Amino acid sequence: MAEHATIIRIARFQPAAGKRDELTRQLKEGAAQIRDMEGCFGAQICRSSDSSDAVVAISRWASQAALDKFLQASAAQRAGLGELLTGTPATETLSSV
């Protein structure tokens, strides 16, 4: 595996009213599983200083293929978060230059 992550994925979640703690709990459980995936350099759940309610998931990957494999494997789990959210999570994928 590469020495450093070449792909970083940032997902910003806006919790539904009264659902922030449950959303955070589920995302933390998911992050623990993600860390064990091949090609993952790490995953963490964060608070945003720009939005007191937002919950942000950051994951670092060896390659786009590793991220794609995660996204495919976790599609159902991510879809299950819908009742805890207002709107669709905003995602951004960064690649090293």
Protein backbone atom coordinates (compact mmCIF):
# COMPACT_ATOMS: atom_id res chain seq x y z
CA MET A 1 0.00 0.00 0.00
CA ALA A 2 1.16 3.55 -0.68
CA GLU A 3 2.81 5.48 2.14
CA HIS A 4 0.20 8.25 2.06
CA ALA A 5 -3.44 8.51 1.09
CA THR A 6 -4.01 9.81 -2.42
CA ILE A 7 -7.79 10.20 -2.04
CA ILE A 8 -9.68 11.98 0.75
CA ARG A 9 -13.46 11.89 1.01
CA ILE A 10 -15.37 14.43 3.07
CA ALA A 11 -19.08 13.96 3.75
CA ARG A 12 -21.12 16.58 5.62
CA PHE A 13 -24.33 15.38 7.25
CA GLN A 14 -27.10 17.65 8.53
CA PRO A 15 -29.00 15.76 11.23
CA ALA A 16 -32.77 15.86 11.53
CA ALA A 17 -34.17 17.54 14.63
CA GLY A 18 -33.25 15.56 17.73
CA LYS A 19 -31.23 12.99 15.74
CA ARG A 20 -27.67 14.35 16.03
CA ASP A 21 -26.54 11.94 18.77
CA GLU A 22 -27.97 8.89 16.98
CA LEU A 23 -26.43 9.99 13.68
CA THR A 24 -23.06 10.53 15.34
CA ARG A 25 -23.24 7.10 17.00
CA GLN A 26 -24.03 5.32 13.75
CA LEU A 27 -21.33 7.20 11.83
CA LYS A 28 -18.74 6.34 14.51
CA GLU A 29 -19.69 2.66 14.28
CA GLY A 30 -19.34 2.84 10.50
CA ALA A 31 -15.97 4.59 10.75
CA ALA A 32 -14.65 1.78 12.94
CA GLN A 33 -15.59 -0.73 10.22
CA ILE A 34 -14.17 1.46 7.45
CA ARG A 35 -10.75 1.56 9.14
CA ASP A 36 -10.43 -2.19 8.58
CA MET A 37 -11.11 -1.99 4.84
CA GLU A 38 -8.31 -2.62 2.39
CA GLY A 39 -6.87 0.65 1.12
CA CYS A 40 -8.19 2.77 3.99
CA PHE A 41 -5.66 4.95 5.81
CA GLY A 42 -8.20 6.10 8.38
CA ALA A 43 -11.68 7.44 9.04
CA GLN A 44 -12.98 9.83 11.62
CA ILE A 45 -16.16 11.64 12.57
CA CYS A 46 -15.86 15.34 13.37
CA ARG A 47 -17.79 18.41 14.42
CA SER A 48 -17.69 21.42 12.13
CA SER A 49 -16.65 24.81 13.47
CA ASP A 50 -18.76 26.35 10.67
CA SER A 51 -22.00 24.62 11.67
CA SER A 52 -22.75 23.49 15.21
CA ASP A 53 -25.20 20.83 14.02
CA ALA A 54 -23.26 19.34 11.11
CA VAL A 55 -21.50 16.02 11.50
CA VAL A 56 -18.56 15.46 9.14
CA ALA A 57 -17.05 12.14 8.10
CA ILE A 58 -13.51 12.16 6.71
CA SER A 59 -11.86 9.10 5.22
CA ARG A 60 -8.47 8.68 3.56
CA TRP A 61 -7.82 6.13 0.82
CA ALA A 62 -4.90 4.62 -1.07
CA SER A 63 -6.72 4.95 -4.41
CA GLN A 64 -9.98 5.89 -6.08
CA ALA A 65 -10.59 2.16 -6.61
CA ALA A 66 -10.40 1.55 -2.84
CA LEU A 67 -12.86 4.38 -2.21
CA ASP A 68 -15.18 3.07 -4.93
CA LYS A 69 -15.12 -0.38 -3.34
CA PHE A 70 -16.10 1.14 0.01
CA LEU A 71 -18.90 3.20 -1.55
CA GLN A 72 -20.31 0.12 -3.25
CA ALA A 73 -20.07 -2.05 -0.13
CA SER A 74 -21.64 0.59 2.13
CA ALA A 75 -24.45 1.84 -0.11
CA ALA A 76 -27.23 0.15 1.88
CA GLN A 77 -25.80 1.27 5.21
CA ARG A 78 -25.55 4.88 4.01
CA ALA A 79 -29.10 4.75 2.62
CA GLY A 80 -30.29 3.64 6.06
CA LEU A 81 -29.19 6.96 7.53
CA GLY A 82 -31.95 8.80 5.65
CA GLU A 83 -34.36 9.05 8.58
CA LEU A 84 -31.63 10.70 10.66
CA LEU A 85 -30.90 13.42 8.09
CA THR A 86 -32.37 16.55 6.62
CA GLY A 87 -31.43 16.43 2.98
CA THR A 88 -28.68 14.61 1.17
CA PRO A 89 -25.15 14.67 2.60
CA ALA A 90 -22.77 17.00 0.80
CA THR A 91 -19.71 15.06 -0.33
CA GLU A 92 -16.37 16.07 -1.74
CA THR A 93 -13.53 13.89 -2.94
CA LEU A 94 -10.02 15.31 -2.97
CA SER A 95 -7.00 13.84 -4.73
CA SER A 96 -3.37 14.62 -4.06
CA VAL A 97 -1.38 16.55 -6.65
